[in-house]
N, C-alpha and C. Protein backbone atom coordinates (compact mmCIF):
# COMPACT_ATOMS: atom_id res chain seq x y z
N MET A 1 -3.37 -14.70 2.74
CA MET A 1 -3.84 -14.86 1.39
C MET A 1 -4.72 -16.10 1.32
N SER A 2 -5.81 -15.94 0.67
CA SER A 2 -6.70 -17.08 0.44
C SER A 2 -6.12 -17.98 -0.64
N TRP A 3 -6.35 -19.27 -0.54
CA TRP A 3 -5.88 -20.22 -1.56
C TRP A 3 -6.77 -20.22 -2.78
N GLN A 4 -7.98 -19.71 -2.67
CA GLN A 4 -8.91 -19.73 -3.80
C GLN A 4 -8.35 -18.98 -5.02
N PRO A 5 -7.82 -17.74 -4.84
CA PRO A 5 -7.24 -17.06 -6.01
C PRO A 5 -6.06 -17.83 -6.62
N VAL A 6 -5.24 -18.45 -5.77
CA VAL A 6 -4.11 -19.22 -6.28
C VAL A 6 -4.61 -20.38 -7.11
N LYS A 7 -5.61 -21.05 -6.63
CA LYS A 7 -6.19 -22.19 -7.35
C LYS A 7 -6.70 -21.73 -8.72
N SER A 8 -7.35 -20.58 -8.76
CA SER A 8 -7.87 -20.09 -10.04
C SER A 8 -6.73 -19.66 -10.97
N ILE A 9 -5.65 -19.13 -10.43
CA ILE A 9 -4.49 -18.76 -11.25
C ILE A 9 -3.87 -20.02 -11.85
N LEU A 10 -3.75 -21.06 -11.06
CA LEU A 10 -3.13 -22.29 -11.54
C LEU A 10 -3.90 -22.94 -12.67
N ARG A 11 -5.18 -22.65 -12.77
CA ARG A 11 -6.03 -23.25 -13.80
C ARG A 11 -6.13 -22.41 -15.07
N THR A 12 -5.30 -21.38 -15.19
CA THR A 12 -5.33 -20.53 -16.38
C THR A 12 -4.46 -21.11 -17.48
N GLU A 13 -4.52 -20.50 -18.63
CA GLU A 13 -3.72 -20.90 -19.79
C GLU A 13 -2.33 -20.26 -19.77
N LEU A 14 -1.99 -19.55 -18.71
CA LEU A 14 -0.72 -18.85 -18.61
C LEU A 14 0.46 -19.81 -18.55
N SER A 15 1.64 -19.28 -18.92
CA SER A 15 2.86 -20.07 -18.78
C SER A 15 3.20 -20.21 -17.30
N LEU A 16 4.10 -21.12 -17.01
CA LEU A 16 4.52 -21.33 -15.62
C LEU A 16 5.06 -20.05 -15.00
N HIS A 17 5.92 -19.34 -15.72
CA HIS A 17 6.49 -18.10 -15.18
C HIS A 17 5.42 -17.03 -14.98
N GLU A 18 4.49 -16.94 -15.91
CA GLU A 18 3.41 -15.96 -15.76
C GLU A 18 2.56 -16.29 -14.53
N LYS A 19 2.27 -17.56 -14.32
CA LYS A 19 1.50 -17.95 -13.13
C LYS A 19 2.25 -17.60 -11.86
N LEU A 20 3.53 -17.90 -11.82
CA LEU A 20 4.33 -17.63 -10.63
C LEU A 20 4.39 -16.14 -10.33
N VAL A 21 4.61 -15.32 -11.34
CA VAL A 21 4.66 -13.87 -11.15
C VAL A 21 3.29 -13.34 -10.73
N LEU A 22 2.21 -13.84 -11.32
CA LEU A 22 0.88 -13.39 -10.94
C LEU A 22 0.57 -13.74 -9.49
N ILE A 23 0.96 -14.91 -9.05
CA ILE A 23 0.78 -15.28 -7.64
C ILE A 23 1.58 -14.35 -6.75
N ALA A 24 2.82 -14.05 -7.14
CA ALA A 24 3.65 -13.13 -6.35
C ALA A 24 3.00 -11.75 -6.29
N LEU A 25 2.52 -11.25 -7.42
CA LEU A 25 1.85 -9.94 -7.44
C LEU A 25 0.62 -9.95 -6.54
N HIS A 26 -0.11 -11.05 -6.57
CA HIS A 26 -1.31 -11.17 -5.74
C HIS A 26 -0.97 -11.03 -4.26
N THR A 27 0.17 -11.54 -3.85
CA THR A 27 0.54 -11.46 -2.43
C THR A 27 0.84 -10.03 -1.99
N TYR A 28 1.19 -9.15 -2.93
CA TYR A 28 1.48 -7.75 -2.61
C TYR A 28 0.30 -6.82 -2.81
N ALA A 29 -0.76 -7.30 -3.41
CA ALA A 29 -1.89 -6.44 -3.77
C ALA A 29 -2.67 -5.97 -2.55
N ASN A 30 -3.08 -4.70 -2.61
CA ASN A 30 -3.96 -4.17 -1.56
C ASN A 30 -5.40 -4.52 -1.91
N LYS A 31 -6.34 -4.00 -1.13
CA LYS A 31 -7.76 -4.34 -1.34
C LYS A 31 -8.30 -3.85 -2.68
N GLN A 32 -7.63 -2.86 -3.26
CA GLN A 32 -8.04 -2.36 -4.58
C GLN A 32 -7.35 -3.12 -5.71
N GLY A 33 -6.51 -4.09 -5.35
CA GLY A 33 -5.81 -4.88 -6.36
C GLY A 33 -4.55 -4.22 -6.88
N GLU A 34 -4.10 -3.18 -6.20
CA GLU A 34 -2.90 -2.46 -6.62
C GLU A 34 -1.68 -2.97 -5.86
N CYS A 35 -0.55 -3.01 -6.56
CA CYS A 35 0.69 -3.37 -5.89
C CYS A 35 1.86 -2.77 -6.64
N TRP A 36 2.99 -2.63 -5.94
CA TRP A 36 4.14 -1.97 -6.53
C TRP A 36 5.46 -2.68 -6.18
N PRO A 37 5.53 -3.99 -6.28
CA PRO A 37 6.81 -4.63 -5.97
C PRO A 37 7.83 -4.29 -7.07
N SER A 38 9.08 -4.17 -6.70
CA SER A 38 10.12 -3.91 -7.69
C SER A 38 10.40 -5.17 -8.49
N VAL A 39 11.06 -5.00 -9.61
CA VAL A 39 11.48 -6.15 -10.41
C VAL A 39 12.41 -7.02 -9.56
N GLN A 40 13.30 -6.39 -8.79
CA GLN A 40 14.22 -7.14 -7.95
C GLN A 40 13.45 -7.98 -6.92
N THR A 41 12.41 -7.41 -6.34
CA THR A 41 11.60 -8.16 -5.37
C THR A 41 10.97 -9.38 -6.04
N LEU A 42 10.42 -9.19 -7.23
CA LEU A 42 9.83 -10.31 -7.96
C LEU A 42 10.89 -11.34 -8.33
N MET A 43 12.08 -10.89 -8.70
CA MET A 43 13.17 -11.81 -9.01
C MET A 43 13.50 -12.66 -7.79
N ASP A 44 13.59 -12.01 -6.63
CA ASP A 44 13.91 -12.73 -5.40
C ASP A 44 12.79 -13.70 -5.01
N ASP A 45 11.56 -13.25 -5.10
CA ASP A 45 10.41 -14.08 -4.71
C ASP A 45 10.23 -15.28 -5.64
N CYS A 46 10.44 -15.07 -6.93
CA CYS A 46 10.14 -16.11 -7.92
C CYS A 46 11.37 -16.91 -8.36
N SER A 47 12.53 -16.48 -7.90
CA SER A 47 13.79 -17.13 -8.32
C SER A 47 13.92 -17.16 -9.84
N LEU A 48 13.58 -16.01 -10.46
CA LEU A 48 13.67 -15.87 -11.91
C LEU A 48 14.60 -14.72 -12.26
N SER A 49 15.12 -14.76 -13.47
CA SER A 49 15.98 -13.67 -13.95
C SER A 49 15.14 -12.44 -14.27
N LYS A 50 15.83 -11.32 -14.42
CA LYS A 50 15.15 -10.08 -14.77
C LYS A 50 14.40 -10.22 -16.09
N SER A 51 15.04 -10.82 -17.07
CA SER A 51 14.38 -10.96 -18.38
C SER A 51 13.15 -11.86 -18.28
N SER A 52 13.20 -12.90 -17.45
CA SER A 52 12.03 -13.77 -17.27
C SER A 52 10.89 -13.03 -16.60
N ILE A 53 11.21 -12.21 -15.60
CA ILE A 53 10.18 -11.40 -14.92
C ILE A 53 9.53 -10.44 -15.91
N LEU A 54 10.36 -9.72 -16.66
CA LEU A 54 9.83 -8.74 -17.60
C LEU A 54 8.99 -9.41 -18.68
N ARG A 55 9.41 -10.57 -19.15
CA ARG A 55 8.65 -11.31 -20.15
C ARG A 55 7.31 -11.78 -19.57
N ALA A 56 7.33 -12.26 -18.33
CA ALA A 56 6.10 -12.71 -17.67
C ALA A 56 5.13 -11.55 -17.46
N VAL A 57 5.64 -10.41 -17.02
CA VAL A 57 4.79 -9.23 -16.80
C VAL A 57 4.18 -8.78 -18.14
N ARG A 58 4.98 -8.78 -19.18
CA ARG A 58 4.47 -8.41 -20.51
C ARG A 58 3.38 -9.38 -20.95
N GLY A 59 3.58 -10.67 -20.71
CA GLY A 59 2.56 -11.66 -21.05
C GLY A 59 1.29 -11.48 -20.25
N LEU A 60 1.43 -11.18 -18.96
CA LEU A 60 0.26 -10.94 -18.12
C LEU A 60 -0.53 -9.73 -18.61
N GLU A 61 0.18 -8.70 -19.05
CA GLU A 61 -0.49 -7.52 -19.63
C GLU A 61 -1.23 -7.90 -20.91
N GLU A 62 -0.55 -8.64 -21.78
CA GLU A 62 -1.14 -9.02 -23.07
C GLU A 62 -2.38 -9.89 -22.89
N HIS A 63 -2.38 -10.73 -21.86
CA HIS A 63 -3.53 -11.59 -21.57
C HIS A 63 -4.62 -10.85 -20.79
N GLY A 64 -4.36 -9.62 -20.37
CA GLY A 64 -5.35 -8.83 -19.65
C GLY A 64 -5.46 -9.12 -18.16
N TYR A 65 -4.48 -9.80 -17.59
CA TYR A 65 -4.52 -10.10 -16.16
C TYR A 65 -4.05 -8.95 -15.30
N ILE A 66 -3.19 -8.09 -15.85
CA ILE A 66 -2.70 -6.94 -15.10
C ILE A 66 -2.65 -5.73 -16.02
N GLU A 67 -2.60 -4.57 -15.39
CA GLU A 67 -2.37 -3.30 -16.09
C GLU A 67 -1.25 -2.61 -15.37
N ARG A 68 -0.34 -2.02 -16.12
CA ARG A 68 0.72 -1.23 -15.49
C ARG A 68 0.41 0.23 -15.67
N ASP A 69 0.61 0.98 -14.62
CA ASP A 69 0.42 2.43 -14.63
C ASP A 69 1.78 3.05 -14.37
N SER A 70 2.31 3.74 -15.33
CA SER A 70 3.64 4.33 -15.19
C SER A 70 3.62 5.67 -14.46
N ALA A 71 2.45 6.12 -14.04
CA ALA A 71 2.34 7.42 -13.37
C ALA A 71 2.86 7.39 -11.95
């Protein structure tokens, strides 16, 4: 993983948890920017509770940083 995307994530207006989850998602993303880590995987990687992960993901969606596809 390049440090450049991490640096740009750290400079956003996002909350600390949102930044941490976005960095974790970035590490799983393929070349098309798609990734499918489970909530449990994100909990383990970020050392956050399930509710914190879900809140961060919802915030990332609301800010337009990610899109979830339920298909």
